[in-house]
Structures are given as C-alpha cells and as structure tokens.
Amino acid sequence: MQPGNPPDENADRASSSRVVPVNCRRLTVLVVEDHPAYRTLLGWILHKLALGFVVVDDGQAGLAVMERQRIDLVLTDCQMPVMDGYAMTRQVRRNERLAGTARVPIIAFTATLGPEQIQRCVAAGIDAWLLKPVTFEQLRDVLTNWLPLSVRPYRPEAAPQWPTRASLLETFGSVTTVEQLLQTLVREAQVDLAVLTEAQRTRDACATAQHLHRLIGSVAFLGADSLETRGARVIDAVTREGVARHACSLGVLLEDIHSYVRYLSSL
C-alpha cells in the first residue's frame, strides 16, 4: 500500500485551486490498480488536484483500507489479480447495506468499453467508468461530478431538487394532469436516451447535442437544476470539441439522467 503524501504539497496549491472546489481538498480517494505506472500516473493527477489519496494494487487491499479509514471515492481497475474491481465493488455494496452507511462513489477503469463491460459495471454497483488511458481532464471531470461537495457523507447532489408528487399536484392542480405529464416526459425521455446511447457509441456530435438538449429541456421543466446546468456544459463541449473528448462526462451525465427518469417513473 502506498499512502498519498507528496513531499511538496504547497508547491502546486495555487494552480490546483483552479481545478477543484476549495471544500473538496480534505477528501480522500482510494486508487485500486495493479499496474505500477498507472498507479504513479493516477497519484500524480490526484496530487495536482490537491486531493488526499491511498494507492493499493488489488481489491482485497482496497477493502482493507476501507475498513480502517474513511474513503470518499474509489477509482478501481476492472481486471486485477487476487480480487478484481467487480468483486471488490460487490463486497463494498454488501458492506454498505449491512452497516447502513452512505454509498461511496466507485469509478472503474477498463481497457475495453463495450455493452458487456458496461453491463458488468452496472451489475456490480459501479457508478461510472473511464476508458484507459485516462487523461488529466477526464479524471478531473469525473471527480468533479462524483466527489461530495463537502466532507459530509456522499449524497447525490441533484436529489433534493427533484420534484415530489405532492409538489407536482400543488403546481398543476390535477392528478390526471400530473399523470399525463409524467407519462409523456418519461416516454419521450426514454426515446431520447436510447438515441443518445447510440449517438455516443458512434461519436455523432450533432445527434448527441440535439437529443441531450431535448432531455435537458425536460429536466428543466420539472426542476433538477444541477442536471440542467451540467447538461448545458456538456452540450457546449460536445458541440465544440466532439463526443470522443468528452465521453466520460457525457457517460456520467447520462447515468444521472437515467436515474432521474427512473425516479419520475416511480412518482
């Protein structure tokens, strides 16, 4: 195990303050990666972002760290000897359920990102994933999206802003109107999400921006300001620089929108 304790932490503090929120700097990231060079790279990036970190080389060692100290986010390789990232994540989720503790965000690294890998990630309880090799900007973006905004236990940022059935009834005044509205929004959102998934796969920037704009319009209509703000940034980035460069941020955003649509379906 290698604790993240850079020798010259103050040297980069001024520059790092421009890339992560000030109140994120006391958080600790656990890196689970068996490749020495990649462990070094990830440690360097986390240091530049002024985040605390611990580095281990397999899932069992990662679980041991989480038993001893507070971890705010996990970055894990998928394929490792001893215990891989999928098995480690399943055990983390079991431990959380048994102990009744807050869900720790887990971000996976994978050399191949296809439907099978995504399905395995979702089934294990992994929250998001990055395709190797990861860049500084990609890791910064995913950490900004998934790290808690303070040292309190992690909570999904957008959840408090989501509408309730009671608030919708108060706004629209009719059960029938609310049900019709929800059915329409959910149905159209599911269509847009399906098209977006294909557009993301084919790196179609035009279709991605178009259907993400439609989705964000639905989000804005019923609140969820955080998703709206993030969506607008991703649309602008994809339009200017293409899907491939922002695949990580787009993938994380789409997962959050999926969660929001499932929530609307349950109202």
Protein backbone atom coordinates (compact mmCIF):
# COMPACT_ATOMS: atom_id res chain seq x y z
CA MET A 1 0.00 0.00 0.00
CA GLN A 2 1.26 3.47 -0.88
CA PRO A 3 -0.19 6.44 1.06
CA GLY A 4 -0.64 9.59 -0.99
CA ASN A 5 1.60 12.02 0.82
CA PRO A 6 3.50 14.15 -1.73
CA PRO A 7 6.62 15.81 -0.35
CA ASP A 8 5.95 19.30 -1.72
CA GLU A 9 2.22 19.78 -1.37
CA ASN A 10 2.31 23.57 -1.16
CA ALA A 11 4.11 24.00 -4.47
CA ASP A 12 1.03 23.23 -6.56
CA ARG A 13 -1.67 24.58 -4.26
CA ALA A 14 -2.21 27.81 -6.19
CA SER A 15 -2.63 26.06 -9.54
CA SER A 16 -4.75 23.20 -8.12
CA SER A 17 -7.24 25.67 -6.64
CA ARG A 18 -8.37 26.38 -10.18
CA VAL A 19 -9.35 22.80 -10.95
CA VAL A 20 -11.22 21.50 -7.89
CA PRO A 21 -13.53 23.25 -5.41
CA VAL A 22 -11.81 24.50 -2.26
CA ASN A 23 -14.04 22.41 0.00
CA CYS A 24 -13.06 19.15 -1.77
CA ARG A 25 -9.42 19.23 -0.71
CA ARG A 26 -9.80 17.29 2.55
CA LEU A 27 -11.39 14.33 0.79
CA THR A 28 -9.60 11.01 0.27
CA VAL A 29 -9.64 8.96 -2.94
CA LEU A 30 -8.76 5.26 -2.93
CA VAL A 31 -6.93 4.06 -6.07
CA VAL A 32 -7.05 0.29 -6.73
CA GLU A 33 -4.76 -0.51 -9.67
CA ASP A 34 -2.26 -3.33 -10.25
CA HIS A 35 -0.15 -1.58 -12.92
CA PRO A 36 2.73 0.36 -11.26
CA ALA A 37 2.98 3.01 -13.99
CA TYR A 38 -0.74 3.68 -13.89
CA ARG A 39 -0.68 3.93 -10.09
CA THR A 40 2.03 6.55 -10.41
CA LEU A 41 0.07 8.48 -13.05
CA LEU A 42 -3.15 8.49 -11.03
CA GLY A 43 -1.30 9.52 -7.89
CA TRP A 44 0.29 12.42 -9.76
CA ILE A 45 -3.08 13.60 -11.09
CA LEU A 46 -4.71 13.41 -7.64
CA HIS A 47 -1.79 15.32 -6.16
CA LYS A 48 -2.19 18.05 -8.81
CA LEU A 49 -5.88 18.22 -7.89
CA ALA A 50 -4.91 18.69 -4.22
CA LEU A 51 -6.81 15.57 -3.12
CA GLY A 52 -5.73 13.10 -0.48
CA PHE A 53 -5.28 9.55 -1.78
CA VAL A 54 -4.26 6.00 -0.93
CA VAL A 55 -2.97 3.58 -3.59
CA VAL A 56 -3.23 -0.24 -3.43
CA ASP A 57 -2.73 -2.97 -6.04
CA ASP A 58 -5.76 -5.27 -5.68
CA GLY A 59 -9.35 -5.37 -4.47
CA GLN A 60 -8.65 -7.17 -1.19
CA ALA A 61 -6.17 -4.49 -0.19
CA GLY A 62 -8.74 -1.87 -1.16
CA LEU A 63 -11.37 -3.44 1.13
CA ALA A 64 -8.84 -3.49 3.96
CA VAL A 65 -8.20 0.23 3.55
CA MET A 66 -11.94 0.98 3.60
CA GLU A 67 -12.29 -0.93 6.87
CA ARG A 68 -9.59 1.20 8.51
CA GLN A 69 -10.33 4.71 7.27
CA ARG A 70 -12.88 6.94 5.63
CA ILE A 71 -12.81 6.90 1.82
CA ASP A 72 -14.85 9.43 -0.18
CA LEU A 73 -14.45 7.91 -3.66
CA VAL A 74 -12.87 4.79 -5.19
CA LEU A 75 -11.04 4.59 -8.53
CA THR A 76 -10.55 0.94 -9.49
CA ASP A 77 -9.19 -1.11 -12.34
CA CYS A 78 -11.64 -3.77 -13.52
CA GLN A 79 -9.16 -6.61 -14.17
CA MET A 80 -6.66 -7.37 -11.37
CA PRO A 81 -5.17 -10.44 -9.73
CA VAL A 82 -6.30 -11.59 -6.25
CA MET A 83 -9.60 -9.64 -6.42
CA ASP A 84 -10.80 -7.62 -9.41
CA GLY A 85 -12.75 -4.37 -9.38
CA TYR A 86 -16.12 -6.03 -9.95
CA ALA A 87 -15.76 -8.38 -6.96
CA MET A 88 -14.44 -5.60 -4.75
CA THR A 89 -17.37 -3.33 -5.65
CA ARG A 90 -19.92 -6.06 -4.92
CA GLN A 91 -18.37 -6.53 -1.47
CA VAL A 92 -18.33 -2.77 -0.82
CA ARG A 93 -22.04 -2.56 -1.66
CA ARG A 94 -22.81 -5.53 0.62
CA ASN A 95 -20.89 -3.89 3.44
CA GLU A 96 -22.77 -0.63 2.95
CA ARG A 97 -26.15 -2.39 3.05
CA LEU A 98 -25.25 -4.35 6.19
CA ALA A 99 -23.84 -1.34 8.02
CA GLY A 100 -26.44 1.14 6.73
CA THR A 101 -23.69 3.54 5.67
CA ALA A 102 -23.65 6.09 2.82
CA ARG A 103 -22.87 4.86 -0.67
CA VAL A 104 -19.29 5.57 -1.72
CA PRO A 105 -18.96 6.50 -5.42
CA ILE A 106 -16.92 3.89 -7.32
CA ILE A 107 -15.44 4.74 -10.72
CA ALA A 108 -13.99 1.93 -12.86
CA PHE A 109 -11.13 1.91 -15.35
CA THR A 110 -11.39 -0.50 -18.25
CA ALA A 111 -9.28 -1.10 -21.35
CA THR A 112 -12.39 -2.07 -23.36
CA LEU A 113 -15.69 -0.26 -23.03
CA GLY A 114 -18.49 -2.14 -24.77
CA PRO A 115 -22.00 -3.25 -23.78
CA GLU A 116 -20.67 -6.27 -21.90
CA GLN A 117 -18.27 -4.20 -19.78
CA ILE A 118 -20.93 -1.59 -19.04
CA GLN A 119 -23.41 -4.31 -18.04
CA ARG A 120 -20.84 -5.85 -15.67
CA CYS A 121 -20.13 -2.46 -14.13
CA VAL A 122 -23.81 -1.73 -13.53
CA ALA A 123 -24.46 -5.22 -12.14
CA ALA A 124 -21.57 -4.89 -9.68
CA GLY A 125 -22.74 -1.50 -8.41
CA ILE A 126 -20.12 0.67 -10.12
CA ASP A 127 -21.32 4.25 -10.60
CA ALA A 128 -19.32 5.33 -13.66
CA TRP A 129 -16.41 4.20 -15.82
CA LEU A 130 -13.46 5.56 -17.74
CA LEU A 131 -11.71 4.10 -20.76
CA LYS A 132 -7.95 3.67 -20.40
CA PRO A 133 -5.74 5.57 -20.90
CA VAL A 134 -7.38 8.35 -18.90
CA THR A 135 -6.32 11.98 -19.31
CA PHE A 136 -5.93 14.63 -16.64
CA GLU A 137 -9.04 16.43 -17.89
CA GLN A 138 -11.17 13.27 -17.95
CA LEU A 139 -10.26 12.31 -14.40
CA ARG A 140 -10.75 15.87 -13.17
CA ASP A 141 -14.21 15.98 -14.74
CA VAL A 142 -15.36 12.66 -13.29
CA LEU A 143 -14.05 13.59 -9.85
CA THR A 144 -15.83 16.94 -10.02
CA ASN A 145 -19.07 15.14 -10.89
CA TRP A 146 -18.83 12.39 -8.27
CA LEU A 147 -16.93 13.70 -5.26
CA PRO A 148 -19.08 15.06 -2.44
CA LEU A 149 -19.03 18.83 -2.22
CA SER A 150 -18.02 18.78 1.46
CA VAL A 151 -16.57 16.36 3.97
CA ARG A 152 -20.02 15.07 4.90
CA PRO A 153 -21.13 11.61 3.71
CA TYR A 154 -21.85 11.45 0.00
CA ARG A 155 -25.33 12.30 -1.18
CA PRO A 156 -26.47 12.69 -4.81
CA GLU A 157 -26.29 16.41 -5.48
CA ALA A 158 -29.49 16.68 -7.53
CA ALA A 159 -31.79 14.59 -5.33
CA PRO A 160 -33.02 17.41 -3.04
CA GLN A 161 -34.04 19.43 -6.10
CA TRP A 162 -36.17 16.72 -7.68
CA PRO A 163 -39.96 17.21 -7.64
CA THR A 164 -42.28 15.16 -5.48
CA ARG A 165 -45.77 14.01 -6.37
CA ALA A 166 -47.14 16.45 -3.82
CA SER A 167 -45.23 19.38 -5.31
CA LEU A 168 -46.43 18.47 -8.81
CA LEU A 169 -50.04 18.26 -7.64
CA GLU A 170 -49.66 21.64 -5.98
CA THR A 171 -48.27 23.11 -9.18
CA PHE A 172 -50.65 21.56 -11.72
CA GLY A 173 -53.71 21.03 -9.52
CA SER A 174 -54.94 17.76 -11.04
CA VAL A 175 -53.99 14.11 -10.59
CA THR A 176 -54.89 13.42 -14.22
CA THR A 177 -52.72 16.28 -15.49
CA VAL A 178 -49.75 15.19 -13.39
CA GLU A 179 -50.02 11.56 -14.51
CA GLN A 180 -50.32 12.52 -18.18
CA LEU A 181 -47.38 14.91 -17.85
CA LEU A 182 -45.16 12.31 -16.17
CA GLN A 183 -46.08 9.60 -18.69
CA THR A 184 -45.29 11.90 -21.61
CA LEU A 185 -41.99 13.14 -20.17
CA VAL A 186 -40.82 9.65 -19.24
CA ARG A 187 -41.79 8.17 -22.61
CA GLU A 188 -40.04 10.92 -24.58
CA ALA A 189 -37.01 10.83 -22.30
CA GLN A 190 -36.61 7.09 -22.81
CA VAL A 191 -36.66 7.58 -26.58
CA ASP A 192 -34.06 10.35 -26.37
CA LEU A 193 -31.88 8.28 -24.04
CA ALA A 194 -31.92 5.36 -26.47
CA VAL A 195 -30.92 7.63 -29.37
CA LEU A 196 -28.26 9.28 -27.21
CA THR A 197 -26.73 5.94 -26.31
CA GLU A 198 -26.35 5.12 -30.00
CA ALA A 199 -25.07 8.63 -30.80
CA GLN A 200 -22.50 8.29 -28.03
CA ARG A 201 -21.37 4.93 -29.43
CA THR A 202 -21.00 6.29 -32.97
CA ARG A 203 -19.50 9.60 -31.77
CA ASP A 204 -22.26 11.57 -33.55
CA ALA A 205 -21.85 15.04 -32.04
CA CYS A 206 -24.86 16.55 -33.83
CA ALA A 207 -27.32 13.88 -32.68
CA THR A 208 -25.80 13.90 -29.19
CA ALA A 209 -26.25 17.65 -28.79
CA GLN A 210 -29.76 17.59 -30.28
CA HIS A 211 -31.20 14.84 -28.10
CA LEU A 212 -29.34 15.93 -24.98
CA HIS A 213 -30.87 19.37 -25.49
CA ARG A 214 -34.34 17.77 -25.60
CA LEU A 215 -33.61 15.80 -22.45
CA ILE A 216 -32.32 18.83 -20.59
CA GLY A 217 -35.48 20.67 -21.59
CA SER A 218 -37.50 18.00 -19.78
CA VAL A 219 -35.21 18.19 -16.77
CA ALA A 220 -35.53 21.97 -16.64
CA PHE A 221 -39.30 21.77 -16.94
CA LEU A 222 -39.59 19.86 -13.66
CA GLY A 223 -36.63 21.29 -11.75
CA ALA A 224 -33.38 19.33 -11.23
CA ASP A 225 -31.25 22.44 -11.74
CA SER A 226 -27.99 20.57 -11.24
CA LEU A 227 -28.66 18.23 -14.18
CA GLU A 228 -29.72 21.18 -16.31
CA THR A 229 -26.51 23.09 -15.58
CA ARG A 230 -24.27 20.07 -16.20
CA GLY A 231 -26.17 19.21 -19.37
CA ALA A 232 -25.70 22.68 -20.80
CA ARG A 233 -21.94 22.44 -20.21
CA VAL A 234 -21.72 19.02 -21.87
CA ILE A 235 -23.78 20.17 -24.88
CA ASP A 236 -21.45 23.12 -25.38
CA ALA A 237 -18.33 20.96 -25.00
CA VAL A 238 -19.56 18.23 -27.36
CA THR A 239 -20.63 20.78 -29.96
CA ARG A 240 -17.22 22.47 -29.90
CA GLU A 241 -14.88 19.50 -29.46
CA GLY A 242 -16.77 16.33 -30.32
CA VAL A 243 -18.09 13.33 -28.40
CA ALA A 244 -14.85 11.37 -28.02
CA ARG A 245 -13.08 14.05 -25.99
CA HIS A 246 -15.97 14.35 -23.54
CA ALA A 247 -17.17 10.74 -23.48
CA CYS A 248 -16.52 10.45 -19.74
CA SER A 249 -18.57 13.50 -18.70
CA LEU A 250 -21.32 12.54 -21.14
CA GLY A 251 -21.49 8.98 -19.82
CA VAL A 252 -21.72 10.13 -16.19
CA LEU A 253 -24.41 12.69 -17.07
CA LEU A 254 -26.48 10.11 -18.96
CA GLU A 255 -26.36 7.73 -16.00
CA ASP A 256 -27.64 10.51 -13.75
CA ILE A 257 -30.42 11.35 -16.21
CA HIS A 258 -31.35 7.64 -16.33
CA SER A 259 -31.68 7.76 -12.54
CA TYR A 260 -33.82 10.89 -12.75
CA VAL A 261 -36.14 9.31 -15.34
CA ARG A 262 -36.49 6.18 -13.19
CA TYR A 263 -37.35 8.44 -10.28
CA LEU A 264 -40.04 10.22 -12.33
CA SER A 265 -41.44 6.82 -13.32
CA SER A 266 -41.88 5.95 -9.66
CA LEU A 267 -43.94 9.04 -8.77
